[in-house]
Amino acid sequence: MIERLTRNEAPSLLDTEKANELIDAINGLYNSRGAGGISVNQNGDGSLLIAPAKQLDGIIKYNPFEVISVNDDVVRINAGLVNGLIVQNLSVNNGSGTSYLCLEIDADSDGVTSVKLVRESSAPDGIEFVENGVNTSFKYVIAVVGENELISQIVNHNLYFSVDIAYEIPKRSVDLGEYPNDIYYTWKQTAGG
């Protein structure tokens, strides 16, 4: 709470009436809990957090790629981004037993070109290393589901893949000016924005 100023005793040359109006407004905010869709909260350091009020009445916020529902027929996920591209489909047909929800990612040397949601009955292989090039298609697991339940949510954030050198192997013979190693590339995943 900020104390009001007294006329002719102000510590500066401020207009006391205008200063008190500002002080009253600030104190009103300190004592407010918000109204009309505005939320006012006091932070631990005394600062005010003023923001649109949270409307949580029945609204559920899902993370990117989070499984929303699983039933006998279909599995649905929330939208997510891979290198800025949105997944083409947000549901797949479900099957019996344990399934792996994967992002089927197509790419070229410039980056990711398309992303689809697919269901696999067995875990996909890891991303293969490619000699002097990049893997143009790979699957990335985001969740494991049963016939009617989510077993494990693996990814709950946007993704970003970049080309990375996995390893280098020296060549047996090298021509003048030629790079002395064969380079094996892979895709490196990091959390996206």
Protein backbone atom coordinates (compact mmCIF):
# COMPACT_ATOMS: atom_id res chain seq x y z
CA MET A 1 0.00 0.00 0.00
CA ILE A 2 1.31 3.44 -0.92
CA GLU A 3 0.67 6.29 1.53
CA ARG A 4 -1.18 9.36 0.28
CA LEU A 5 0.62 12.72 0.09
CA THR A 6 -0.26 15.74 2.25
CA ARG A 7 -0.61 19.16 0.58
CA ASN A 8 2.45 21.39 0.97
CA GLU A 9 4.41 18.50 2.48
CA ALA A 10 5.06 16.61 -0.75
CA PRO A 11 8.66 15.46 -1.18
CA SER A 12 8.71 16.86 -4.70
CA LEU A 13 7.06 19.49 -6.84
CA LEU A 14 4.26 17.13 -7.91
CA ASP A 15 0.68 18.34 -7.98
CA THR A 16 -0.59 16.69 -4.77
CA GLU A 17 -4.13 16.12 -6.07
CA LYS A 18 -2.92 14.38 -9.27
CA ALA A 19 -0.36 12.34 -7.30
CA ASN A 20 -3.07 11.21 -4.84
CA GLU A 21 -5.33 10.18 -7.75
CA LEU A 22 -2.52 7.96 -9.08
CA ILE A 23 -1.81 6.58 -5.60
CA ASP A 24 -5.52 5.80 -5.08
CA ALA A 25 -5.65 4.02 -8.45
CA ILE A 26 -2.56 1.94 -7.64
CA ASN A 27 -3.85 1.09 -4.15
CA GLY A 28 -7.18 0.13 -5.73
CA LEU A 29 -5.36 -2.31 -7.97
CA TYR A 30 -3.42 -3.74 -5.01
CA ASN A 31 -6.72 -4.43 -3.23
CA SER A 32 -8.55 -5.64 -6.34
CA ARG A 33 -9.10 -9.22 -7.40
CA GLY A 34 -10.18 -8.10 -10.83
CA ALA A 35 -13.52 -7.76 -12.60
CA GLY A 36 -14.96 -7.68 -16.08
CA GLY A 37 -12.61 -10.36 -17.40
CA ILE A 38 -9.47 -8.87 -15.81
CA SER A 39 -7.45 -10.73 -13.16
CA VAL A 40 -5.23 -8.83 -10.69
CA ASN A 41 -2.73 -10.74 -8.55
CA GLN A 42 0.17 -9.59 -6.44
CA ASN A 43 3.50 -11.26 -7.15
CA GLY A 44 5.84 -12.32 -4.33
CA ASP A 45 7.96 -9.20 -4.84
CA GLY A 46 4.94 -6.91 -4.49
CA SER A 47 4.52 -6.23 -8.21
CA LEU A 48 1.10 -6.59 -9.81
CA LEU A 49 0.22 -9.17 -12.44
CA ILE A 50 -2.69 -7.81 -14.47
CA ALA A 51 -4.00 -10.10 -17.21
CA PRO A 52 -7.16 -11.42 -18.82
CA ALA A 53 -8.98 -13.65 -16.31
CA LYS A 54 -8.57 -17.38 -16.80
CA GLN A 55 -11.68 -18.98 -18.20
CA LEU A 56 -11.35 -22.54 -16.96
CA ASP A 57 -15.07 -23.38 -16.90
CA GLY A 58 -14.98 -26.72 -18.72
CA ILE A 59 -12.10 -25.71 -20.97
CA ILE A 60 -9.15 -28.08 -20.99
CA LYS A 61 -5.79 -26.96 -22.32
CA TYR A 62 -3.82 -29.67 -24.13
CA ASN A 63 -0.12 -29.64 -24.91
CA PRO A 64 1.20 -30.16 -28.46
CA PHE A 65 0.90 -33.81 -29.57
CA GLU A 66 -0.92 -34.74 -26.35
CA VAL A 67 -3.32 -37.67 -26.74
CA ILE A 68 -6.85 -36.30 -26.30
CA SER A 69 -8.85 -39.53 -26.58
CA VAL A 70 -8.40 -43.25 -27.18
CA ASN A 71 -11.22 -45.66 -27.96
CA ASP A 72 -11.75 -48.88 -29.94
CA ASP A 73 -12.03 -47.01 -33.23
CA VAL A 74 -9.82 -43.94 -33.18
CA VAL A 75 -6.98 -42.15 -31.38
CA ARG A 76 -6.98 -38.33 -31.39
CA ILE A 77 -4.11 -35.97 -30.58
CA ASN A 78 -3.81 -32.23 -30.13
CA ALA A 79 -2.15 -30.31 -32.95
CA GLY A 80 1.59 -29.76 -32.80
CA LEU A 81 4.38 -28.38 -34.98
CA VAL A 82 7.47 -30.02 -36.42
CA ASN A 83 9.88 -27.38 -37.78
CA GLY A 84 6.89 -25.05 -38.07
CA LEU A 85 4.75 -27.53 -40.04
CA ILE A 86 1.46 -28.67 -38.53
CA VAL A 87 0.65 -32.38 -38.54
CA GLN A 88 -1.54 -33.23 -41.56
CA ASN A 89 -3.98 -35.43 -39.59
CA LEU A 90 -4.91 -35.36 -35.90
CA SER A 91 -6.43 -38.84 -35.64
CA VAL A 92 -5.69 -42.41 -36.72
CA ASN A 93 -7.65 -45.64 -36.63
CA ASN A 94 -6.95 -47.66 -33.51
CA GLY A 95 -6.18 -51.37 -33.45
CA SER A 96 -5.94 -54.20 -30.97
CA GLY A 97 -3.14 -54.50 -28.45
CA THR A 98 -0.43 -51.97 -27.79
CA SER A 99 0.24 -49.39 -30.51
CA TYR A 100 2.85 -46.72 -31.07
CA LEU A 101 1.67 -43.30 -32.22
CA CYS A 102 4.36 -41.92 -34.48
CA LEU A 103 5.01 -38.85 -36.54
CA GLU A 104 5.99 -39.94 -40.05
CA ILE A 105 8.35 -37.20 -41.11
CA ASP A 106 9.43 -36.62 -44.71
CA ALA A 107 12.42 -34.40 -45.33
CA ASP A 108 15.16 -33.42 -47.74
CA SER A 109 18.52 -31.70 -47.33
CA ASP A 110 16.70 -28.37 -46.80
CA GLY A 111 14.61 -29.64 -43.87
CA VAL A 112 11.27 -31.21 -42.98
CA THR A 113 8.73 -31.21 -45.83
CA SER A 114 5.67 -33.00 -44.35
CA VAL A 115 4.43 -34.60 -41.13
CA LYS A 116 1.69 -37.25 -40.72
CA LEU A 117 0.36 -39.10 -37.67
CA VAL A 118 0.54 -42.90 -38.05
CA ARG A 119 -0.10 -45.89 -35.79
CA GLU A 120 2.41 -48.73 -35.69
CA SER A 121 1.91 -52.13 -34.05
CA SER A 122 5.62 -52.32 -33.19
CA ALA A 123 8.13 -49.67 -32.20
CA PRO A 124 9.81 -48.11 -35.23
CA ASP A 125 13.55 -48.28 -35.74
CA GLY A 126 15.67 -45.31 -34.76
CA ILE A 127 16.67 -42.70 -37.32
CA GLU A 128 19.24 -44.29 -39.62
CA PHE A 129 22.58 -42.68 -40.37
CA VAL A 130 23.07 -41.92 -44.07
CA GLU A 131 26.47 -41.65 -45.74
CA ASN A 132 27.02 -38.24 -47.38
CA GLY A 133 23.29 -37.42 -47.34
CA VAL A 134 20.19 -37.27 -45.14
CA ASN A 135 17.46 -39.74 -44.33
CA THR A 136 14.41 -38.57 -46.29
CA SER A 137 11.77 -40.39 -44.22
CA PHE A 138 11.67 -41.49 -40.58
CA LYS A 139 9.20 -42.14 -37.76
CA TYR A 140 9.32 -40.53 -34.34
CA VAL A 141 7.28 -42.00 -31.44
CA ILE A 142 5.09 -39.51 -29.53
CA ALA A 143 2.91 -41.89 -27.43
CA VAL A 144 2.09 -45.49 -26.64
CA VAL A 145 -1.61 -46.46 -26.49
CA GLY A 146 -3.69 -49.54 -25.72
CA GLU A 147 -7.07 -50.43 -27.15
CA ASN A 148 -8.90 -47.96 -24.87
CA GLU A 149 -6.20 -46.13 -22.93
CA LEU A 150 -3.12 -43.98 -23.08
CA ILE A 151 -0.19 -46.03 -21.79
CA SER A 152 2.56 -43.41 -22.08
CA GLN A 153 2.72 -39.85 -23.39
CA ILE A 154 6.28 -39.41 -24.66
CA VAL A 155 6.16 -36.01 -26.41
CA ASN A 156 4.15 -33.00 -25.19
CA HIS A 157 5.90 -30.10 -26.94
CA ASN A 158 6.56 -28.86 -30.45
CA LEU A 159 9.56 -30.42 -32.17
CA TYR A 160 12.44 -29.19 -34.25
CA PHE A 161 14.75 -31.46 -36.26
CA SER A 162 18.07 -30.40 -37.74
CA VAL A 163 20.67 -32.28 -39.74
CA ASP A 164 23.59 -33.36 -37.59
CA ILE A 165 26.81 -35.29 -38.20
CA ALA A 166 26.56 -38.70 -36.50
CA TYR A 167 30.17 -39.70 -37.20
CA GLU A 168 32.96 -39.64 -39.79
CA ILE A 169 35.00 -42.55 -41.16
CA PRO A 170 38.36 -41.92 -42.87
CA LYS A 171 38.42 -42.86 -46.58
CA ARG A 172 40.95 -45.48 -47.75
CA SER A 173 42.24 -43.16 -50.45
CA VAL A 174 41.75 -39.45 -51.01
CA ASP A 175 42.26 -37.36 -54.13
CA LEU A 176 43.93 -33.97 -53.84
CA GLY A 177 41.44 -31.41 -52.47
CA GLU A 178 38.92 -34.08 -51.48
CA TYR A 179 37.55 -34.24 -47.92
CA PRO A 180 39.35 -37.14 -46.20
CA ASN A 181 36.30 -38.67 -44.46
CA ASP A 182 32.92 -40.15 -45.34
CA ILE A 183 30.35 -38.26 -43.26
CA TYR A 184 27.28 -40.00 -41.84
CA TYR A 185 24.35 -37.70 -41.12
CA THR A 186 21.27 -38.06 -38.94
CA TRP A 187 18.41 -35.88 -37.69
CA LYS A 188 18.84 -34.31 -34.25
CA GLN A 189 15.63 -33.47 -32.37
CA THR A 190 15.24 -30.53 -30.01
CA ALA A 191 12.14 -28.97 -28.46
CA GLY A 192 10.55 -26.39 -30.72
CA GLY A 193 8.77 -23.18 -29.88
